[in-house]
Amino acid sequence: MKEVISLPAGQTQDIIKNYLVHAHPYPRPYKEAQYMTFRKIGGVMDTLFRLNMNSF
């Protein structure tokens, strides 16, 4: 599996990067993915995070 999920982060992207935390609804409506990235305003993505599915 080489799926990437891209989520809107807007102005919270710096907080996500500093603390490596992103809140999302439970249950998650997202497909399982190996990588996650966050979009700034305008759709810019600059970091790709590898997900550890054993942590969920």
PDB file of N, CA and C in Angstrom:
ATOM      1  N   MET A   1       0.844  -1.177   0.000  1.00  0.00           N
ATOM      2  CA  MET A   1       0.000   0.000   0.000  1.00  0.00           C
ATOM      3  C   MET A   1       0.889   1.240   0.000  1.00  0.00           C
ATOM      4  N   LYS A   2       0.662   2.156  -0.915  1.00  0.00           N
ATOM      5  CA  LYS A   2       1.415   3.405  -1.005  1.00  0.00           C
ATOM      6  C   LYS A   2       0.446   4.574  -1.092  1.00  0.00           C
ATOM      7  N   GLU A   3      -0.595   4.560  -0.287  1.00  0.00           N
ATOM      8  CA  GLU A   3      -1.611   5.606  -0.299  1.00  0.00           C
ATOM      9  C   GLU A   3      -1.128   6.828   0.477  1.00  0.00           C
ATOM     10  N   VAL A   4      -1.534   8.017   0.006  1.00  0.00           N
ATOM     11  CA  VAL A   4      -1.246   9.278   0.691  1.00  0.00           C
ATOM     12  C   VAL A   4      -2.568   9.974   0.946  1.00  0.00           C
ATOM     13  N   ILE A   5      -2.778  10.407   2.186  1.00  0.00           N
ATOM     14  CA  ILE A   5      -3.965  11.189   2.502  1.00  0.00           C
ATOM     15  C   ILE A   5      -3.522  12.631   2.710  1.00  0.00           C
ATOM     16  N   SER A   6      -4.237  13.555   2.109  1.00  0.00           N
ATOM     17  CA  SER A   6      -3.925  14.979   2.179  1.00  0.00           C
ATOM     18  C   SER A   6      -5.068  15.686   2.896  1.00  0.00           C
ATOM     19  N   LEU A   7      -4.757  16.316   4.022  1.00  0.00           N
ATOM     20  CA  LEU A   7      -5.781  16.969   4.833  1.00  0.00           C
ATOM     21  C   LEU A   7      -5.564  18.477   4.865  1.00  0.00           C
ATOM     22  N   PRO A   8      -6.640  19.254   4.895  1.00  0.00           N
ATOM     23  CA  PRO A   8      -6.479  20.697   4.998  1.00  0.00           C
ATOM     24  C   PRO A   8      -6.004  21.076   6.401  1.00  0.00           C
ATOM     25  N   ALA A   9      -4.995  21.927   6.491  1.00  0.00           N
ATOM     26  CA  ALA A   9      -4.473  22.356   7.787  1.00  0.00           C
ATOM     27  C   ALA A   9      -4.570  23.864   7.964  1.00  0.00           C
ATOM     28  N   GLY A  10      -4.657  24.591   6.868  1.00  0.00           N
ATOM     29  CA  GLY A  10      -4.798  26.039   6.943  1.00  0.00           C
ATOM     30  C   GLY A  10      -3.738  26.677   7.818  1.00  0.00           C
ATOM     31  N   GLN A  11      -4.182  27.461   8.782  1.00  0.00           N
ATOM     32  CA  GLN A  11      -3.259  28.195   9.645  1.00  0.00           C
ATOM     33  C   GLN A  11      -2.706  27.348  10.784  1.00  0.00           C
ATOM     34  N   THR A  12      -3.156  26.109  10.932  1.00  0.00           N
ATOM     35  CA  THR A  12      -2.670  25.267  12.032  1.00  0.00           C
ATOM     36  C   THR A  12      -1.469  24.414  11.637  1.00  0.00           C
ATOM     37  N   GLN A  13      -0.961  24.568  10.432  1.00  0.00           N
ATOM     38  CA  GLN A  13       0.130  23.715   9.972  1.00  0.00           C
ATOM     39  C   GLN A  13       1.379  23.829  10.856  1.00  0.00           C
ATOM     40  N   ASP A  14       1.719  25.012  11.331  1.00  0.00           N
ATOM     41  CA  ASP A  14       2.886  25.165  12.205  1.00  0.00           C
ATOM     42  C   ASP A  14       2.699  24.400  13.510  1.00  0.00           C
ATOM     43  N   ILE A  15       1.505  24.417  14.066  1.00  0.00           N
ATOM     44  CA  ILE A  15       1.223  23.674  15.299  1.00  0.00           C
ATOM     45  C   ILE A  15       1.357  22.178  15.043  1.00  0.00           C
ATOM     46  N   ILE A  16       0.822  21.708  13.926  1.00  0.00           N
ATOM     47  CA  ILE A  16       0.913  20.288  13.577  1.00  0.00           C
ATOM     48  C   ILE A  16       2.375  19.866  13.478  1.00  0.00           C
ATOM     49  N   LYS A  17       3.209  20.664  12.819  1.00  0.00           N
ATOM     50  CA  LYS A  17       4.626  20.318  12.656  1.00  0.00           C
ATOM     51  C   LYS A  17       5.391  20.387  13.977  1.00  0.00           C
ATOM     52  N   ASN A  18       5.111  21.394  14.812  1.00  0.00           N
ATOM     53  CA  ASN A  18       5.835  21.544  16.080  1.00  0.00           C
ATOM     54  C   ASN A  18       5.528  20.425  17.060  1.00  0.00           C
ATOM     55  N   TYR A  19       4.272  20.000  17.131  1.00  0.00           N
ATOM     56  CA  TYR A  19       3.853  19.031  18.141  1.00  0.00           C
ATOM     57  C   TYR A  19       3.532  17.647  17.570  1.00  0.00           C
ATOM     58  N   LEU A  20       3.561  17.519  16.236  1.00  0.00           N
ATOM     59  CA  LEU A  20       3.244  16.250  15.567  1.00  0.00           C
ATOM     60  C   LEU A  20       1.898  15.691  16.016  1.00  0.00           C
ATOM     61  N   VAL A  21       0.916  16.603  16.109  1.00  0.00           N
ATOM     62  CA  VAL A  21      -0.434  16.238  16.530  1.00  0.00           C
ATOM     63  C   VAL A  21      -1.431  16.838  15.550  1.00  0.00           C
ATOM     64  N   HIS A  22      -2.421  16.039  15.171  1.00  0.00           N
ATOM     65  CA  HIS A  22      -3.523  16.531  14.344  1.00  0.00           C
ATOM     66  C   HIS A  22      -4.799  15.897  14.858  1.00  0.00           C
ATOM     67  N   ALA A  23      -5.789  16.705  15.157  1.00  0.00           N
ATOM     68  CA  ALA A  23      -7.069  16.190  15.641  1.00  0.00           C
ATOM     69  C   ALA A  23      -7.970  15.894  14.449  1.00  0.00           C
ATOM     70  N   HIS A  24      -8.646  14.774  14.510  1.00  0.00           N
ATOM     71  CA  HIS A  24      -9.598  14.423  13.466  1.00  0.00           C
ATOM     72  C   HIS A  24     -10.773  13.711  14.118  1.00  0.00           C
ATOM     73  N   PRO A  25     -11.917  13.659  13.454  1.00  0.00           N
ATOM     74  CA  PRO A  25     -13.109  13.046  14.051  1.00  0.00           C
ATOM     75  C   PRO A  25     -12.937  11.540  14.252  1.00  0.00           C
ATOM     76  N   TYR A  26     -13.650  10.996  15.230  1.00  0.00           N
ATOM     77  CA  TYR A  26     -13.668   9.555  15.442  1.00  0.00           C
ATOM     78  C   TYR A  26     -15.115   9.104  15.329  1.00  0.00           C
ATOM     79  N   PRO A  27     -15.438   8.138  14.585  1.00  0.00           N
ATOM     80  CA  PRO A  27     -14.543   7.356  13.736  1.00  0.00           C
ATOM     81  C   PRO A  27     -14.091   8.168  12.524  1.00  0.00           C
ATOM     82  N   ARG A  28     -12.899   7.850  12.055  1.00  0.00           N
ATOM     83  CA  ARG A  28     -12.311   8.580  10.929  1.00  0.00           C
ATOM     84  C   ARG A  28     -12.963   8.157   9.621  1.00  0.00           C
ATOM     85  N   PRO A  29     -13.379   9.119   8.818  1.00  0.00           N
ATOM     86  CA  PRO A  29     -13.947   8.772   7.515  1.00  0.00           C
ATOM     87  C   PRO A  29     -12.868   8.592   6.446  1.00  0.00           C
ATOM     88  N   TYR A  30     -11.587   8.647   6.834  1.00  0.00           N
ATOM     89  CA  TYR A  30     -10.491   8.591   5.871  1.00  0.00           C
ATOM     90  C   TYR A  30     -10.142   7.152   5.517  1.00  0.00           C
ATOM     91  N   LYS A  31      -9.657   6.956   4.293  1.00  0.00           N
ATOM     92  CA  LYS A  31      -9.137   5.649   3.897  1.00  0.00           C
ATOM     93  C   LYS A  31      -7.815   5.413   4.620  1.00  0.00           C
ATOM     94  N   GLU A  32      -7.462   4.130   4.813  1.00  0.00           N
ATOM     95  CA  GLU A  32      -6.150   3.821   5.374  1.00  0.00           C
ATOM     96  C   GLU A  32      -5.079   4.283   4.408  1.00  0.00           C
ATOM     97  N   ALA A  33      -4.008   4.836   4.944  1.00  0.00           N
ATOM     98  CA  ALA A  33      -2.927   5.345   4.109  1.00  0.00           C
ATOM     99  C   ALA A  33      -1.598   5.097   4.802  1.00  0.00           C
ATOM    100  N   GLN A  34      -0.543   5.026   4.022  1.00  0.00           N
ATOM    101  CA  GLN A  34       0.793   4.842   4.565  1.00  0.00           C
ATOM    102  C   GLN A  34       1.433   6.194   4.888  1.00  0.00           C
ATOM    103  N   TYR A  35       0.991   7.232   4.192  1.00  0.00           N
ATOM    104  CA  TYR A  35       1.560   8.568   4.378  1.00  0.00           C
ATOM    105  C   TYR A  35       0.445   9.594   4.542  1.00  0.00           C
ATOM    106  N   MET A  36       0.777  10.691   5.240  1.00  0.00           N
ATOM    107  CA  MET A  36      -0.164  11.783   5.433  1.00  0.00           C
ATOM    108  C   MET A  36       0.554  13.097   5.177  1.00  0.00           C
ATOM    109  N   THR A  37      -0.143  14.041   4.570  1.00  0.00           N
ATOM    110  CA  THR A  37       0.393  15.379   4.369  1.00  0.00           C
ATOM    111  C   THR A  37      -0.708  16.379   4.678  1.00  0.00           C
ATOM    112  N   PHE A  38      -0.319  17.599   4.959  1.00  0.00           N
ATOM    113  CA  PHE A  38      -1.267  18.649   5.304  1.00  0.00           C
ATOM    114  C   PHE A  38      -1.140  19.797   4.320  1.00  0.00           C
ATOM    115  N   ARG A  39      -2.286  20.300   3.887  1.00  0.00           N
ATOM    116  CA  ARG A  39      -2.319  21.385   2.908  1.00  0.00           C
ATOM    117  C   ARG A  39      -2.452  22.731   3.605  1.00  0.00           C
ATOM    118  N   LYS A  40      -1.598  23.668   3.193  1.00  0.00           N
ATOM    119  CA  LYS A  40      -1.735  25.055   3.638  1.00  0.00           C
ATOM    120  C   LYS A  40      -2.826  25.718   2.809  1.00  0.00           C
ATOM    121  N   ILE A  41      -3.127  26.958   3.136  1.00  0.00           N
ATOM    122  CA  ILE A  41      -4.064  27.739   2.331  1.00  0.00           C
ATOM    123  C   ILE A  41      -3.501  27.833   0.919  1.00  0.00           C
ATOM    124  N   GLY A  42      -4.296  27.560  -0.074  1.00  0.00           N
ATOM    125  CA  GLY A  42      -3.840  27.547  -1.460  1.00  0.00           C
ATOM    126  C   GLY A  42      -3.453  26.160  -1.938  1.00  0.00           C
ATOM    127  N   GLY A  43      -3.480  25.151  -1.045  1.00  0.00           N
ATOM    128  CA  GLY A  43      -3.210  23.775  -1.440  1.00  0.00           C
ATOM    129  C   GLY A  43      -1.760  23.344  -1.417  1.00  0.00           C
ATOM    130  N   VAL A  44      -0.858  24.194  -0.893  1.00  0.00           N
ATOM    131  CA  VAL A  44       0.569  23.862  -0.866  1.00  0.00           C
ATOM    132  C   VAL A  44       0.836  22.790   0.189  1.00  0.00           C
ATOM    133  N   MET A  45       1.587  21.745  -0.196  1.00  0.00           N
ATOM    134  CA  MET A  45       1.994  20.667   0.716  1.00  0.00           C
ATOM    135  C   MET A  45       3.513  20.594   0.695  1.00  0.00           C
ATOM    136  N   ASP A  46       4.157  20.604   1.877  1.00  0.00           N
ATOM    137  CA  ASP A  46       5.617  20.606   1.882  1.00  0.00           C
ATOM    138  C   ASP A  46       6.254  19.498   2.710  1.00  0.00           C
ATOM    139  N   THR A  47       5.463  18.722   3.439  1.00  0.00           N
ATOM    140  CA  THR A  47       6.016  17.659   4.272  1.00  0.00           C
ATOM    141  C   THR A  47       5.151  16.414   4.132  1.00  0.00           C
ATOM    142  N   LEU A  48       5.800  15.264   4.048  1.00  0.00           N
ATOM    143  CA  LEU A  48       5.108  13.984   3.969  1.00  0.00           C
ATOM    144  C   LEU A  48       5.452  13.199   5.232  1.00  0.00           C
ATOM    145  N   PHE A  49       4.435  12.784   5.989  1.00  0.00           N
ATOM    146  CA  PHE A  49       4.632  12.039   7.230  1.00  0.00           C
ATOM    147  C   PHE A  49       4.290  10.576   7.001  1.00  0.00           C
ATOM    148  N   ARG A  50       5.154   9.670   7.493  1.00  0.00           N
ATOM    149  CA  ARG A  50       4.868   8.232   7.428  1.00  0.00           C
ATOM    150  C   ARG A  50       4.017   7.883   8.647  1.00  0.00           C
ATOM    151  N   LEU A  51       2.933   7.164   8.426  1.00  0.00           N
ATOM    152  CA  LEU A  51       2.047   6.773   9.513  1.00  0.00           C
ATOM    153  C   LEU A  51       2.452   5.416  10.059  1.00  0.00           C
ATOM    154  N   ASN A  52       2.415   5.299  11.375  1.00  0.00           N
ATOM    155  CA  ASN A  52       2.654   4.030  12.042  1.00  0.00           C
ATOM    156  C   ASN A  52       1.294   3.508  12.475  1.00  0.00           C
ATOM    157  N   MET A  53       0.729   2.611  11.700  1.00  0.00           N
ATOM    158  CA  MET A  53      -0.626   2.133  11.956  1.00  0.00           C
ATOM    159  C   MET A  53      -0.733   1.343  13.256  1.00  0.00           C
ATOM    160  N   ASN A  54       0.382   0.883  13.813  1.00  0.00           N
ATOM    161  CA  ASN A  54       0.353   0.166  15.083  1.00  0.00           C
ATOM    162  C   ASN A  54       0.070   1.099  16.245  1.00  0.00           C
ATOM    163  N   SER A  55       0.164   2.411  16.017  1.00  0.00           N
ATOM    164  CA  SER A  55      -0.056   3.394  17.075  1.00  0.00           C
ATOM    165  C   SER A  55      -1.522   3.739  17.260  1.00  0.00           C
ATOM    166  N   PHE A  56      -2.388   3.310  16.337  1.00  0.00           N
ATOM    167  CA  PHE A  56      -3.793   3.712  16.409  1.00  0.00           C
ATOM    168  C   PHE A  56      -4.603   2.712  17.172  1.00  0.00           C
TER     169      PHE A  56
END
